[in-house]
Amino acid sequence: MPARRPVVMPPRDLEGAIAATSELCGHPLSPSAVALLAKDLEKLDRSSVLKALARCRMELHGSLNIGEILVRIDDGRPDADEAWAMLPATEANSVVWTDEMAQSWVKVQPLLQKGELVLARRLFEESYTHAVLIARCKREKVVWTPSLGSDPQEREMVLQDALEKERLPVSYVKELLPYRSLSTHSSHLLAQIRLKKIP
């Protein structure tokens, strides 16, 4: 089946949604600012942009800008809090994470090794949010990659979760989890997902 194409919002409709949102946030934008912002957003998926604007209306207590909208776009990437919670605590832990999560985790490793968790989290959230904004501006698709630790049971649980959320293909997970090591639940899950893929 061909890939689903994003629904592009007509510029005038998008401008109206942006203008209304900026007004409701208490900082109305000028017509020229609205037009520029609409131009930056017009090629993104309409549903995702509208949902992001709705979140801005509920959450934002300041000026509407491209960053505030893009950070609320749902493109499959977890938000900063969820991303932090997913990070591996030790080498024994496994994770299936995005490129942006992996890059930001590397930056905070020295702080984590020193036990400075509060500072590490703050730096991670800043780095991760910036990386996600850049990826969304470039319209890069989310890429999930496993980083497997030494604990075999947790490894299976993490990969099983990634399968259920369709973050990794079945064939790839089967290579990472030899048939003999699979739990009954994972075996059934692989079989069910494989059947769903059969046209």
Protein backbone atom coordinates (compact mmCIF):
# COMPACT_ATOMS: atom_id res chain seq x y z
CA MET A 1 0.00 0.00 0.00
CA PRO A 2 1.28 3.51 -0.78
CA ALA A 3 2.39 5.65 2.16
CA ARG A 4 -0.24 7.98 3.57
CA ARG A 5 0.35 11.54 2.43
CA PRO A 6 0.03 14.38 4.96
CA VAL A 7 -3.06 16.52 4.56
CA VAL A 8 -1.87 20.03 3.74
CA MET A 9 -3.88 22.89 5.20
CA PRO A 10 -4.78 25.78 2.88
CA PRO A 11 -2.76 28.89 3.85
CA ARG A 12 -5.83 31.02 4.65
CA ASP A 13 -7.32 28.37 6.97
CA LEU A 14 -3.98 27.99 8.70
CA GLU A 15 -3.58 31.74 9.10
CA GLY A 16 -7.03 31.95 10.70
CA ALA A 17 -6.20 29.18 13.19
CA ILE A 18 -2.89 30.83 14.08
CA ALA A 19 -4.45 34.28 14.48
CA ALA A 20 -7.22 32.96 16.73
CA THR A 21 -4.78 30.96 18.84
CA SER A 22 -2.41 33.90 19.33
CA GLU A 23 -5.35 36.08 20.40
CA LEU A 24 -6.61 33.48 22.89
CA CYS A 25 -3.10 33.16 24.31
CA GLY A 26 -3.25 36.87 25.11
CA HIS A 27 -0.64 38.05 22.59
CA PRO A 28 -2.28 38.68 19.17
CA LEU A 29 0.15 38.51 16.24
CA SER A 30 0.24 41.03 13.42
CA PRO A 31 -1.07 39.91 9.99
CA SER A 32 2.49 39.75 8.63
CA ALA A 33 3.66 37.59 11.56
CA VAL A 34 0.66 35.29 11.12
CA ALA A 35 1.44 34.94 7.39
CA LEU A 36 5.09 34.09 8.05
CA LEU A 37 4.20 31.54 10.70
CA ALA A 38 1.62 29.97 8.38
CA LYS A 39 4.23 29.67 5.64
CA ASP A 40 6.55 27.82 8.03
CA LEU A 41 3.78 25.38 8.99
CA GLU A 42 1.76 24.95 5.79
CA LYS A 43 3.58 21.80 4.60
CA LEU A 44 3.07 19.92 7.86
CA ASP A 45 0.19 17.53 8.45
CA ARG A 46 -3.01 19.53 9.06
CA SER A 47 -4.30 17.35 11.90
CA SER A 48 -0.97 17.51 13.74
CA VAL A 49 -0.78 21.30 13.40
CA LEU A 50 -4.36 21.80 14.61
CA LYS A 51 -3.76 19.56 17.63
CA ALA A 52 -0.56 21.46 18.42
CA LEU A 53 -2.41 24.78 18.21
CA ALA A 54 -5.12 23.39 20.50
CA ARG A 55 -2.46 22.45 23.04
CA CYS A 56 -1.01 25.96 22.76
CA ARG A 57 -4.41 27.42 23.60
CA MET A 58 -4.59 25.27 26.73
CA GLU A 59 -0.97 25.41 27.87
CA LEU A 60 0.70 28.54 26.54
CA HIS A 61 0.77 31.71 28.64
CA GLY A 62 2.92 33.80 26.36
CA SER A 63 3.58 34.74 22.76
CA LEU A 64 2.82 32.14 20.10
CA ASN A 65 5.86 31.21 17.99
CA ILE A 66 7.14 28.41 15.77
CA GLY A 67 8.99 26.70 18.62
CA GLU A 68 5.93 26.55 20.89
CA ILE A 69 3.94 24.94 18.08
CA LEU A 70 6.58 22.48 16.87
CA VAL A 71 7.33 21.22 20.38
CA ARG A 72 3.66 20.21 20.63
CA ILE A 73 3.50 18.42 17.26
CA ASP A 74 2.74 14.70 17.67
CA ASP A 75 5.08 12.93 15.24
CA GLY A 76 5.74 9.82 17.32
CA ARG A 77 8.56 11.32 19.34
CA PRO A 78 7.98 11.26 23.13
CA ASP A 79 7.95 14.52 25.05
CA ALA A 80 10.94 15.42 27.21
CA ASP A 81 9.52 13.94 30.43
CA GLU A 82 8.65 10.61 28.79
CA ALA A 83 12.01 10.50 27.02
CA TRP A 84 13.87 11.04 30.30
CA ALA A 85 11.88 8.26 32.00
CA MET A 86 12.83 5.84 29.22
CA LEU A 87 16.60 6.33 29.54
CA PRO A 88 18.66 3.32 30.72
CA ALA A 89 19.87 3.66 34.31
CA THR A 90 22.75 1.17 34.02
CA GLU A 91 24.55 -0.90 31.39
CA ALA A 92 22.28 -3.82 32.27
CA ASN A 93 19.22 -1.87 31.11
CA SER A 94 17.83 -1.91 27.59
CA VAL A 95 16.03 0.84 25.71
CA VAL A 96 14.45 1.47 22.34
CA TRP A 97 14.97 5.18 21.75
CA THR A 98 15.01 7.88 19.11
CA ASP A 99 18.11 9.47 17.61
CA GLU A 100 17.39 12.66 19.55
CA MET A 101 17.17 10.74 22.84
CA ALA A 102 20.45 8.93 22.20
CA GLN A 103 22.30 12.13 21.26
CA SER A 104 21.04 13.97 24.35
CA TRP A 105 21.79 11.02 26.66
CA VAL A 106 25.44 11.07 25.58
CA LYS A 107 25.69 14.74 26.56
CA VAL A 108 24.48 14.11 30.12
CA GLN A 109 26.51 10.97 30.80
CA PRO A 110 29.29 12.78 32.71
CA LEU A 111 26.71 14.36 35.02
CA LEU A 112 24.92 11.05 35.57
CA GLN A 113 28.19 9.38 36.48
CA LYS A 114 28.76 12.07 39.12
CA GLY A 115 25.26 11.54 40.50
CA GLU A 116 24.07 15.03 39.57
CA LEU A 117 20.59 13.90 38.51
CA VAL A 118 18.80 17.26 38.73
CA LEU A 119 21.35 19.03 36.56
CA ALA A 120 21.53 16.06 34.18
CA ARG A 121 17.77 16.05 33.71
CA ARG A 122 17.67 19.79 33.04
CA LEU A 123 20.46 19.53 30.46
CA PHE A 124 18.84 16.49 28.85
CA GLU A 125 15.47 18.22 28.50
CA GLU A 126 17.08 21.32 26.96
CA SER A 127 19.22 19.28 24.55
CA TYR A 128 16.42 16.88 23.62
CA THR A 129 13.82 19.63 23.06
CA HIS A 130 16.27 21.51 20.82
CA ALA A 131 17.10 18.35 18.84
CA VAL A 132 13.42 17.52 18.37
CA LEU A 133 12.65 21.05 17.15
CA ILE A 134 15.44 20.84 14.58
CA ALA A 135 14.23 17.43 13.39
CA ARG A 136 10.67 18.68 13.01
CA CYS A 137 11.80 21.81 11.18
CA LYS A 138 13.65 19.53 8.75
CA ARG A 139 10.56 17.26 8.61
CA GLU A 140 12.67 14.23 9.56
CA LYS A 141 10.76 11.08 10.44
CA VAL A 142 11.23 9.57 13.87
CA VAL A 143 13.77 6.71 13.92
CA TRP A 144 13.67 4.13 16.73
CA THR A 145 16.81 2.13 17.56
CA PRO A 146 17.41 -0.51 20.24
CA SER A 147 20.28 -0.28 22.70
CA LEU A 148 20.36 -3.63 24.46
CA GLY A 149 21.72 -4.18 27.94
CA SER A 150 22.99 -7.35 29.60
CA ASP A 151 19.74 -8.30 31.37
CA PRO A 152 17.97 -10.78 29.01
CA GLN A 153 14.55 -10.55 30.68
CA GLU A 154 14.44 -6.76 30.56
CA ARG A 155 15.75 -6.87 26.98
CA GLU A 156 12.76 -8.97 25.96
CA MET A 157 10.31 -6.71 27.81
CA VAL A 158 11.68 -3.57 26.14
CA LEU A 159 11.61 -5.12 22.67
CA GLN A 160 8.13 -6.49 23.31
CA ASP A 161 6.94 -2.99 24.22
CA ALA A 162 8.52 -1.59 21.06
CA LEU A 163 6.71 -4.23 19.01
CA GLU A 164 3.35 -3.42 20.57
CA LYS A 165 3.89 0.27 19.81
CA GLU A 166 5.09 -0.58 16.28
CA ARG A 167 8.40 1.15 16.80
CA LEU A 168 10.45 -1.77 15.44
CA PRO A 169 9.67 -4.27 12.65
CA VAL A 170 8.90 -7.87 13.59
CA SER A 171 11.73 -9.28 11.46
CA TYR A 172 14.31 -7.13 13.25
CA VAL A 173 13.04 -8.05 16.72
CA LYS A 174 13.12 -11.75 15.81
CA GLU A 175 16.81 -11.39 14.99
CA LEU A 176 17.46 -9.77 18.36
CA LEU A 177 15.44 -12.36 20.28
CA PRO A 178 16.26 -15.94 19.27
CA TYR A 179 13.19 -18.19 19.22
CA ARG A 180 14.41 -20.43 22.06
CA SER A 181 14.77 -17.49 24.47
CA LEU A 182 11.29 -16.04 23.91
CA SER A 183 8.65 -16.11 26.61
CA THR A 184 5.21 -17.46 25.71
CA HIS A 185 3.75 -13.95 25.68
CA SER A 186 6.39 -12.67 23.25
CA SER A 187 5.94 -15.69 20.98
CA HIS A 188 2.20 -15.03 20.77
CA LEU A 189 2.79 -11.32 20.20
CA LEU A 190 5.18 -11.96 17.32
CA ALA A 191 2.70 -14.36 15.75
CA GLN A 192 -0.19 -11.89 16.07
CA ILE A 193 1.75 -9.00 14.57
CA ARG A 194 3.00 -11.22 11.74
CA LEU A 195 -0.60 -12.18 10.91
CA LYS A 196 -1.64 -8.51 10.86
CA LYS A 197 1.05 -7.80 8.29
CA ILE A 198 -0.24 -10.49 5.92
CA PRO A 199 -2.54 -8.83 3.31
